[in-house]
PDB file of N, CA and C in Angstrom:
ATOM      1  N   MET A   1     154.563 -35.718  44.234  1.00  0.00           N
ATOM      2  CA  MET A   1     153.556 -34.741  45.626  1.00  0.00           C
ATOM      3  C   MET A   1     154.535 -33.264  45.091  1.00  0.00           C
ATOM      4  N   ILE A   2     153.940 -32.246  45.463  1.00  0.00           N
ATOM      5  CA  ILE A   2     154.138 -30.813  46.364  1.00  0.00           C
ATOM      6  C   ILE A   2     153.363 -30.620  47.016  1.00  0.00           C
ATOM      7  N   GLY A   3     154.239 -29.624  47.877  1.00  0.00           N
ATOM      8  CA  GLY A   3     154.622 -29.154  50.044  1.00  0.00           C
ATOM      9  C   GLY A   3     154.551 -28.618  50.664  1.00  0.00           C
ATOM     10  N   ASP A   4     154.512 -29.357  51.916  1.00  0.00           N
ATOM     11  CA  ASP A   4     155.017 -29.451  52.749  1.00  0.00           C
ATOM     12  C   ASP A   4     156.311 -30.045  53.020  1.00  0.00           C
ATOM     13  N   ARG A   5     157.174 -29.863  53.016  1.00  0.00           N
ATOM     14  CA  ARG A   5     158.342 -31.327  53.088  1.00  0.00           C
ATOM     15  C   ARG A   5     157.758 -32.739  54.490  1.00  0.00           C
ATOM     16  N   THR A   6     156.702 -32.483  55.012  1.00  0.00           N
ATOM     17  CA  THR A   6     156.000 -33.643  56.270  1.00  0.00           C
ATOM     18  C   THR A   6     156.098 -35.301  55.324  1.00  0.00           C
ATOM     19  N   THR A   7     154.790 -34.101  54.358  1.00  0.00           N
ATOM     20  CA  THR A   7     153.764 -34.623  53.430  1.00  0.00           C
ATOM     21  C   THR A   7     154.576 -34.931  53.084  1.00  0.00           C
ATOM     22  N   VAL A   8     155.189 -34.017  51.823  1.00  0.00           N
ATOM     23  CA  VAL A   8     155.917 -34.510  50.714  1.00  0.00           C
ATOM     24  C   VAL A   8     157.185 -35.888  51.405  1.00  0.00           C
ATOM     25  N   ALA A   9     157.162 -36.271  52.103  1.00  0.00           N
ATOM     26  CA  ALA A   9     158.297 -37.608  53.214  1.00  0.00           C
ATOM     27  C   ALA A   9     157.623 -38.023  53.667  1.00  0.00           C
ATOM     28  N   LEU A  10     155.914 -37.389  53.615  1.00  0.00           N
ATOM     29  CA  LEU A  10     155.330 -39.227  54.225  1.00  0.00           C
ATOM     30  C   LEU A  10     154.740 -39.685  52.947  1.00  0.00           C
ATOM     31  N   PHE A  11     154.515 -39.033  50.851  1.00  0.00           N
ATOM     32  CA  PHE A  11     155.222 -39.535  50.174  1.00  0.00           C
ATOM     33  C   PHE A  11     155.673 -39.964  49.289  1.00  0.00           C
ATOM     34  N   LYS A  12     156.279 -39.975  49.670  1.00  0.00           N
ATOM     35  CA  LYS A  12     157.818 -40.941  49.886  1.00  0.00           C
ATOM     36  C   LYS A  12     158.296 -42.224  49.893  1.00  0.00           C
ATOM     37  N   LEU A  13     157.489 -42.108  51.405  1.00  0.00           N
ATOM     38  CA  LEU A  13     157.130 -43.595  51.872  1.00  0.00           C
ATOM     39  C   LEU A  13     156.605 -44.476  51.192  1.00  0.00           C
ATOM     40  N   MET A  14     155.714 -43.281  50.165  1.00  0.00           N
ATOM     41  CA  MET A  14     154.358 -44.660  49.914  1.00  0.00           C
ATOM     42  C   MET A  14     155.173 -45.295  47.450  1.00  0.00           C
ATOM     43  N   GLY A  15     156.041 -44.338  48.041  1.00  0.00           N
ATOM     44  CA  GLY A  15     156.220 -44.129  46.574  1.00  0.00           C
ATOM     45  C   GLY A  15     156.632 -43.163  46.098  1.00  0.00           C
ATOM     46  N   PHE A  16     156.341 -42.445  45.957  1.00  0.00           N
ATOM     47  CA  PHE A  16     156.120 -41.547  44.630  1.00  0.00           C
ATOM     48  C   PHE A  16     156.863 -40.578  44.896  1.00  0.00           C
ATOM     49  N   GLU A  17     157.398 -39.904  44.594  1.00  0.00           N
ATOM     50  CA  GLU A  17     158.823 -38.829  44.327  1.00  0.00           C
ATOM     51  C   GLU A  17     158.176 -37.864  44.504  1.00  0.00           C
ATOM     52  N   GLY A  18     158.018 -36.515  45.082  1.00  0.00           N
ATOM     53  CA  GLY A  18     158.406 -35.442  45.836  1.00  0.00           C
ATOM     54  C   GLY A  18     158.945 -34.645  45.421  1.00  0.00           C
ATOM     55  N   ARG A  19     158.823 -33.236  46.276  1.00  0.00           N
ATOM     56  CA  ARG A  19     159.730 -31.560  45.410  1.00  0.00           C
ATOM     57  C   ARG A  19     158.709 -31.493  47.157  1.00  0.00           C
ATOM     58  N   PRO A  20     159.223 -30.417  47.668  1.00  0.00           N
ATOM     59  CA  PRO A  20     158.535 -29.373  49.273  1.00  0.00           C
ATOM     60  C   PRO A  20     159.416 -27.980  48.127  1.00  0.00           C
ATOM     61  N   VAL A  21     157.787 -27.559  48.546  1.00  0.00           N
ATOM     62  CA  VAL A  21     157.378 -25.625  48.043  1.00  0.00           C
ATOM     63  C   VAL A  21     156.427 -25.783  49.242  1.00  0.00           C
ATOM     64  N   GLU A  22     156.826 -24.388  49.583  1.00  0.00           N
ATOM     65  CA  GLU A  22     155.755 -23.927  49.731  1.00  0.00           C
ATOM     66  C   GLU A  22     155.399 -21.935  49.350  1.00  0.00           C
ATOM     67  N   ASP A  23     155.747 -21.534  48.143  1.00  0.00           N
ATOM     68  CA  ASP A  23     155.884 -21.320  47.724  1.00  0.00           C
ATOM     69  C   ASP A  23     155.109 -21.257  46.684  1.00  0.00           C
ATOM     70  N   PRO A  24     153.680 -20.495  46.080  1.00  0.00           N
ATOM     71  CA  PRO A  24     152.761 -21.141  45.431  1.00  0.00           C
ATOM     72  C   PRO A  24     153.217 -20.987  44.005  1.00  0.00           C
ATOM     73  N   ALA A  25     153.618 -20.121  44.264  1.00  0.00           N
ATOM     74  CA  ALA A  25     154.160 -19.294  42.352  1.00  0.00           C
ATOM     75  C   ALA A  25     155.163 -20.521  41.940  1.00  0.00           C
ATOM     76  N   GLU A  26     156.612 -21.124  42.274  1.00  0.00           N
ATOM     77  CA  GLU A  26     156.447 -22.699  42.485  1.00  0.00           C
ATOM     78  C   GLU A  26     156.055 -23.523  42.027  1.00  0.00           C
ATOM     79  N   ALA A  27     155.429 -23.769  42.969  1.00  0.00           N
ATOM     80  CA  ALA A  27     154.342 -24.520  43.156  1.00  0.00           C
ATOM     81  C   ALA A  27     153.836 -25.066  41.268  1.00  0.00           C
ATOM     82  N   LEU A  28     153.611 -23.178  40.804  1.00  0.00           N
ATOM     83  CA  LEU A  28     152.584 -23.729  39.848  1.00  0.00           C
ATOM     84  C   LEU A  28     153.226 -24.325  38.239  1.00  0.00           C
ATOM     85  N   ASN A  29     154.529 -23.663  38.709  1.00  0.00           N
ATOM     86  CA  ASN A  29     155.451 -23.255  37.745  1.00  0.00           C
ATOM     87  C   ASN A  29     156.039 -25.242  37.961  1.00  0.00           C
ATOM     88  N   PHE A  30     156.444 -25.510  38.802  1.00  0.00           N
ATOM     89  CA  PHE A  30     156.959 -26.685  38.728  1.00  0.00           C
ATOM     90  C   PHE A  30     155.941 -27.913  38.459  1.00  0.00           C
ATOM     91  N   VAL A  31     154.258 -27.278  38.383  1.00  0.00           N
ATOM     92  CA  VAL A  31     153.583 -28.328  36.974  1.00  0.00           C
ATOM     93  C   VAL A  31     153.560 -28.698  36.212  1.00  0.00           C
ATOM     94  N   VAL A  32     152.889 -27.201  36.105  1.00  0.00           N
ATOM     95  CA  VAL A  32     153.792 -26.347  33.901  1.00  0.00           C
ATOM     96  C   VAL A  32     154.549 -27.080  33.383  1.00  0.00           C
ATOM     97  N   LYS A  33     155.887 -26.667  34.636  1.00  0.00           N
ATOM     98  CA  LYS A  33     156.873 -27.502  33.602  1.00  0.00           C
ATOM     99  C   LYS A  33     157.380 -29.513  33.690  1.00  0.00           C
ATOM    100  N   ASN A  34     156.319 -29.427  34.593  1.00  0.00           N
ATOM    101  CA  ASN A  34     155.973 -31.265  34.458  1.00  0.00           C
ATOM    102  C   ASN A  34     154.909 -31.732  34.312  1.00  0.00           C
ATOM    103  N   LEU A  35     154.523 -30.768  32.732  1.00  0.00           N
ATOM    104  CA  LEU A  35     152.927 -32.175  32.798  1.00  0.00           C
ATOM    105  C   LEU A  35     153.767 -33.230  31.811  1.00  0.00           C
ATOM    106  N   ASP A  36     154.787 -33.224  31.406  1.00  0.00           N
ATOM    107  CA  ASP A  36     154.588 -33.876  29.925  1.00  0.00           C
ATOM    108  C   ASP A  36     155.010 -35.563  31.101  1.00  0.00           C
ATOM    109  N   VAL A  37     156.379 -35.242  32.559  1.00  0.00           N
ATOM    110  CA  VAL A  37     156.357 -35.907  32.840  1.00  0.00           C
ATOM    111  C   VAL A  37     155.492 -36.970  33.298  1.00  0.00           C
ATOM    112  N   TYR A  38     154.624 -35.614  34.159  1.00  0.00           N
ATOM    113  CA  TYR A  38     153.529 -36.876  34.828  1.00  0.00           C
ATOM    114  C   TYR A  38     152.533 -37.357  34.833  1.00  0.00           C
ATOM    115  N   ASP A  39     151.657 -38.470  34.521  1.00  0.00           N
ATOM    116  CA  ASP A  39     150.299 -38.005  34.394  1.00  0.00           C
ATOM    117  C   ASP A  39     149.411 -37.563  35.404  1.00  0.00           C
ATOM    118  N   ALA A  40     149.581 -37.714  36.721  1.00  0.00           N
ATOM    119  CA  ALA A  40     149.168 -37.490  37.684  1.00  0.00           C
ATOM    120  C   ALA A  40     150.223 -36.412  39.003  1.00  0.00           C
ATOM    121  N   ILE A  41     149.594 -35.022  38.941  1.00  0.00           N
ATOM    122  CA  ILE A  41     150.903 -34.298  40.106  1.00  0.00           C
ATOM    123  C   ILE A  41     150.026 -35.055  41.240  1.00  0.00           C
ATOM    124  N   PHE A  42     149.943 -34.391  42.555  1.00  0.00           N
ATOM    125  CA  PHE A  42     149.338 -34.159  43.752  1.00  0.00           C
ATOM    126  C   PHE A  42     149.729 -32.748  44.261  1.00  0.00           C
ATOM    127  N   ILE A  43     149.265 -32.453  44.543  1.00  0.00           N
ATOM    128  CA  ILE A  43     149.775 -31.151  45.838  1.00  0.00           C
ATOM    129  C   ILE A  43     148.518 -30.781  47.235  1.00  0.00           C
ATOM    130  N   THR A  44     148.981 -30.499  47.657  1.00  0.00           N
ATOM    131  CA  THR A  44     148.602 -30.470  49.144  1.00  0.00           C
ATOM    132  C   THR A  44     147.633 -28.748  48.936  1.00  0.00           C
ATOM    133  N   SER A  45     146.702 -28.946  49.862  1.00  0.00           N
ATOM    134  CA  SER A  45     145.469 -27.887  49.083  1.00  0.00           C
ATOM    135  C   SER A  45     145.766 -26.231  49.828  1.00  0.00           C
ATOM    136  N   LYS A  46     146.521 -26.044  50.742  1.00  0.00           N
ATOM    137  CA  LYS A  46     147.239 -24.583  51.094  1.00  0.00           C
ATOM    138  C   LYS A  46     147.679 -24.796  50.112  1.00  0.00           C
ATOM    139  N   ILE A  47     148.683 -25.098  49.504  1.00  0.00           N
ATOM    140  CA  ILE A  47     149.386 -24.027  48.056  1.00  0.00           C
ATOM    141  C   ILE A  47     148.122 -24.675  47.114  1.00  0.00           C
ATOM    142  N   ALA A  48     147.240 -24.905  47.115  1.00  0.00           N
ATOM    143  CA  ALA A  48     146.085 -25.217  45.341  1.00  0.00           C
ATOM    144  C   ALA A  48     145.627 -24.589  45.735  1.00  0.00           C
ATOM    145  N   ARG A  49     145.099 -23.478  47.124  1.00  0.00           N
ATOM    146  CA  ARG A  49     143.885 -22.447  46.694  1.00  0.00           C
ATOM    147  C   ARG A  49     144.442 -21.012  46.014  1.00  0.00           C
ATOM    148  N   VAL A  50     145.848 -21.507  46.681  1.00  0.00           N
ATOM    149  CA  VAL A  50     146.676 -19.748  46.554  1.00  0.00           C
ATOM    150  C   VAL A  50     146.383 -19.861  44.199  1.00  0.00           C
ATOM    151  N   ILE A  51     146.609 -21.133  44.071  1.00  0.00           N
ATOM    152  CA  ILE A  51     146.772 -21.479  41.914  1.00  0.00           C
ATOM    153  C   ILE A  51     145.530 -22.643  42.048  1.00  0.00           C
ATOM    154  N   ARG A  52     144.644 -21.701  42.576  1.00  0.00           N
ATOM    155  CA  ARG A  52     143.763 -22.872  42.342  1.00  0.00           C
ATOM    156  C   ARG A  52     142.913 -22.121  40.875  1.00  0.00           C
ATOM    157  N   LYS A  53     142.492 -21.296  40.149  1.00  0.00           N
ATOM    158  CA  LYS A  53     142.920 -20.168  39.156  1.00  0.00           C
ATOM    159  C   LYS A  53     143.324 -21.431  38.044  1.00  0.00           C
ATOM    160  N   GLU A  54     144.631 -21.008  38.097  1.00  0.00           N
ATOM    161  CA  GLU A  54     146.017 -21.161  37.046  1.00  0.00           C
ATOM    162  C   GLU A  54     145.844 -23.448  36.988  1.00  0.00           C
ATOM    163  N   LEU A  55     145.711 -23.376  38.144  1.00  0.00           N
ATOM    164  CA  LEU A  55     145.037 -25.483  38.099  1.00  0.00           C
ATOM    165  C   LEU A  55     144.196 -25.321  37.550  1.00  0.00           C
ATOM    166  N   ASP A  56     142.720 -24.887  37.867  1.00  0.00           N
ATOM    167  CA  ASP A  56     141.991 -25.352  37.270  1.00  0.00           C
ATOM    168  C   ASP A  56     142.163 -24.875  35.708  1.00  0.00           C
ATOM    169  N   GLU A  57     142.193 -23.929  35.408  1.00  0.00           N
ATOM    170  CA  GLU A  57     143.273 -24.298  33.030  1.00  0.00           C
ATOM    171  C   GLU A  57     143.784 -25.421  33.128  1.00  0.00           C
ATOM    172  N   ILE A  58     144.134 -25.263  33.731  1.00  0.00           N
ATOM    173  CA  ILE A  58     145.668 -26.495  33.147  1.00  0.00           C
ATOM    174  C   ILE A  58     144.283 -27.737  33.675  1.00  0.00           C
ATOM    175  N   ARG A  59     143.635 -28.080  33.924  1.00  0.00           N
ATOM    176  CA  ARG A  59     142.934 -29.825  33.696  1.00  0.00           C
ATOM    177  C   ARG A  59     141.799 -29.079  32.929  1.00  0.00           C
ATOM    178  N   MET A  60     141.480 -28.599  32.843  1.00  0.00           N
ATOM    179  CA  MET A  60     140.581 -27.827  31.472  1.00  0.00           C
ATOM    180  C   MET A  60     141.056 -27.895  29.945  1.00  0.00           C
ATOM    181  N   ARG A  61     142.928 -27.660  30.206  1.00  0.00           N
ATOM    182  CA  ARG A  61     143.123 -27.354  28.981  1.00  0.00           C
ATOM    183  C   ARG A  61     144.277 -29.435  28.670  1.00  0.00           C
ATOM    184  N   ASN A  62     144.292 -30.087  29.822  1.00  0.00           N
ATOM    185  CA  ASN A  62     145.027 -31.619  29.942  1.00  0.00           C
ATOM    186  C   ASN A  62     144.035 -32.265  30.948  1.00  0.00           C
ATOM    187  N   PRO A  63     143.630 -32.704  29.610  1.00  0.00           N
ATOM    188  CA  PRO A  63     141.843 -34.088  30.591  1.00  0.00           C
ATOM    189  C   PRO A  63     142.801 -34.811  31.274  1.00  0.00           C
ATOM    190  N   ARG A  64     143.976 -36.035  30.351  1.00  0.00           N
ATOM    191  CA  ARG A  64     144.529 -37.145  30.721  1.00  0.00           C
ATOM    192  C   ARG A  64     145.154 -36.560  31.926  1.00  0.00           C
ATOM    193  N   LYS A  65     145.869 -35.795  32.499  1.00  0.00           N
ATOM    194  CA  LYS A  65     146.775 -35.273  33.855  1.00  0.00           C
ATOM    195  C   LYS A  65     145.845 -35.110  34.245  1.00  0.00           C
ATOM    196  N   LEU A  66     146.014 -35.747  35.995  1.00  0.00           N
ATOM    197  CA  LEU A  66     145.424 -35.754  37.254  1.00  0.00           C
ATOM    198  C   LEU A  66     146.379 -34.787  38.392  1.00  0.00           C
ATOM    199  N   VAL A  67     145.781 -33.722  38.399  1.00  0.00           N
ATOM    200  CA  VAL A  67     146.008 -32.928  39.156  1.00  0.00           C
ATOM    201  C   VAL A  67     144.486 -32.613  40.110  1.00  0.00           C
ATOM    202  N   VAL A  68     146.191 -33.267  40.708  1.00  0.00           N
ATOM    203  CA  VAL A  68     144.861 -34.030  42.568  1.00  0.00           C
ATOM    204  C   VAL A  68     145.512 -33.008  42.995  1.00  0.00           C
ATOM    205  N   GLU A  69     144.205 -32.459  44.534  1.00  0.00           N
ATOM    206  CA  GLU A  69     144.908 -31.701  45.428  1.00  0.00           C
ATOM    207  C   GLU A  69     144.304 -32.120  46.591  1.00  0.00           C
ATOM    208  N   VAL A  70     145.839 -32.692  48.042  1.00  0.00           N
ATOM    209  CA  VAL A  70     145.383 -33.452  48.567  1.00  0.00           C
ATOM    210  C   VAL A  70     145.167 -32.361  50.543  1.00  0.00           C
ATOM    211  N   PRO A  71     145.050 -32.826  51.507  1.00  0.00           N
ATOM    212  CA  PRO A  71     145.455 -32.186  52.288  1.00  0.00           C
ATOM    213  C   PRO A  71     146.047 -32.841  52.646  1.00  0.00           C
ATOM    214  N   SER A  72     147.213 -31.942  53.351  1.00  0.00           N
ATOM    215  CA  SER A  72     148.379 -31.861  53.519  1.00  0.00           C
ATOM    216  C   SER A  72     148.523 -31.819  55.445  1.00  0.00           C
ATOM    217  N   VAL A  73     150.178 -33.055  55.881  1.00  0.00           N
ATOM    218  CA  VAL A  73     149.236 -33.944  56.999  1.00  0.00           C
ATOM    219  C   VAL A  73     149.009 -32.686  58.232  1.00  0.00           C
ATOM    220  N   GLU A  74     149.713 -31.435  57.847  1.00  0.00           N
ATOM    221  CA  GLU A  74     149.335 -29.867  59.649  1.00  0.00           C
ATOM    222  C   GLU A  74     147.753 -30.317  58.768  1.00  0.00           C
ATOM    223  N   GLU A  75     146.999 -30.479  58.291  1.00  0.00           N
ATOM    224  CA  GLU A  75     145.976 -29.994  57.857  1.00  0.00           C
ATOM    225  C   GLU A  75     145.090 -31.320  58.009  1.00  0.00           C
ATOM    226  N   GLY A  76     145.706 -32.572  57.649  1.00  0.00           N
ATOM    227  CA  GLY A  76     145.066 -34.557  58.450  1.00  0.00           C
ATOM    228  C   GLY A  76     145.173 -34.173  59.365  1.00  0.00           C
ATOM    229  N   MET A  77     146.261 -33.274  61.023  1.00  0.00           N
ATOM    230  CA  MET A  77     146.202 -33.389  62.253  1.00  0.00           C
ATOM    231  C   MET A  77     144.839 -33.291  62.362  1.00  0.00           C
ATOM    232  N   GLU A  78     143.806 -31.818  62.505  1.00  0.00           N
ATOM    233  CA  GLU A  78     142.233 -31.922  62.973  1.00  0.00           C
ATOM    234  C   GLU A  78     141.593 -33.346  62.456  1.00  0.00           C
ATOM    235  N   ARG A  79     142.029 -33.551  61.405  1.00  0.00           N
ATOM    236  CA  ARG A  79     140.753 -34.479  60.941  1.00  0.00           C
ATOM    237  C   ARG A  79     141.508 -35.489  60.314  1.00  0.00           C
ATOM    238  N   GLU A  80     140.960 -37.098  60.616  1.00  0.00           N
ATOM    239  CA  GLU A  80     141.221 -38.723  60.286  1.00  0.00           C
ATOM    240  C   GLU A  80     142.029 -38.452  58.747  1.00  0.00           C
ATOM    241  N   VAL A  81     142.859 -38.502  58.005  1.00  0.00           N
ATOM    242  CA  VAL A  81     143.029 -38.765  57.008  1.00  0.00           C
ATOM    243  C   VAL A  81     144.159 -39.333  56.627  1.00  0.00           C
ATOM    244  N   ASN A  82     143.281 -40.690  55.566  1.00  0.00           N
ATOM    245  CA  ASN A  82     144.163 -41.472  54.600  1.00  0.00           C
ATOM    246  C   ASN A  82     144.849 -41.597  53.330  1.00  0.00           C
ATOM    247  N   TYR A  83     145.631 -41.334  54.015  1.00  0.00           N
ATOM    248  CA  TYR A  83     146.643 -40.240  52.637  1.00  0.00           C
ATOM    249  C   TYR A  83     146.545 -42.338  50.872  1.00  0.00           C
ATOM    250  N   LEU A  84     146.468 -43.379  51.669  1.00  0.00           N
ATOM    251  CA  LEU A  84     146.290 -44.012  50.719  1.00  0.00           C
ATOM    252  C   LEU A  84     145.248 -44.902  50.594  1.00  0.00           C
ATOM    253  N   GLN A  85     144.474 -44.619  50.970  1.00  0.00           N
ATOM    254  CA  GLN A  85     143.051 -44.241  50.217  1.00  0.00           C
ATOM    255  C   GLN A  85     141.825 -43.410  48.795  1.00  0.00           C
ATOM    256  N   ILE A  86     142.717 -42.215  49.504  1.00  0.00           N
ATOM    257  CA  ILE A  86     143.116 -41.130  48.183  1.00  0.00           C
ATOM    258  C   ILE A  86     143.580 -41.747  47.053  1.00  0.00           C
ATOM    259  N   VAL A  87     145.002 -42.245  46.861  1.00  0.00           N
ATOM    260  CA  VAL A  87     146.359 -42.563  45.886  1.00  0.00           C
ATOM    261  C   VAL A  87     145.360 -43.444  45.564  1.00  0.00           C
ATOM    262  N   ARG A  88     144.800 -44.869  46.291  1.00  0.00           N
ATOM    263  CA  ARG A  88     144.250 -45.483  45.214  1.00  0.00           C
ATOM    264  C   ARG A  88     142.648 -45.755  44.816  1.00  0.00           C
ATOM    265  N   GLN A  89     142.334 -44.309  44.805  1.00  0.00           N
ATOM    266  CA  GLN A  89     140.456 -43.758  44.135  1.00  0.00           C
ATOM    267  C   GLN A  89     141.230 -43.155  42.772  1.00  0.00           C
ATOM    268  N   VAL A  90     142.898 -42.310  43.024  1.00  0.00           N
ATOM    269  CA  VAL A  90     143.246 -40.920  41.944  1.00  0.00           C
ATOM    270  C   VAL A  90     142.796 -42.613  41.038  1.00  0.00           C
ATOM    271  N   LEU A  91     143.969 -43.386  41.087  1.00  0.00           N
ATOM    272  CA  LEU A  91     144.698 -43.772  40.476  1.00  0.00           C
ATOM    273  C   LEU A  91     144.258 -45.073  39.435  1.00  0.00           C
ATOM    274  N   GLY A  92     143.224 -45.817  41.033  1.00  0.00           N
ATOM    275  CA  GLY A  92     142.053 -46.673  40.769  1.00  0.00           C
ATOM    276  C   GLY A  92     142.861 -48.103  40.825  1.00  0.00           C
ATOM    277  N   GLY A  93     143.739 -47.820  41.965  1.00  0.00           N
ATOM    278  CA  GLY A  93     144.105 -49.212  42.312  1.00  0.00           C
ATOM    279  C   GLY A  93     143.825 -50.071  43.887  1.00  0.00           C
TER     280      GLY A  93
END
């Protein structure tokens, strides 16, 4: 999980590794460097919006890797977000 501290902490509670990142360039660098390490990378939509073009290119070049955008906890406060359901849908659990 890549995103703000609160969202990363939530995903860590669900058993995921996470890296708090605020800078989109740092997030993109992390994704590129760790494609071989992880099969699925969750990234907050706030960061993903800024690097959308690069993420789309990564997705096209790496069809077996999942780069999934999720709302940050702050965004989720505006509407109800079931993070566990998102994870289950993406990972097939």
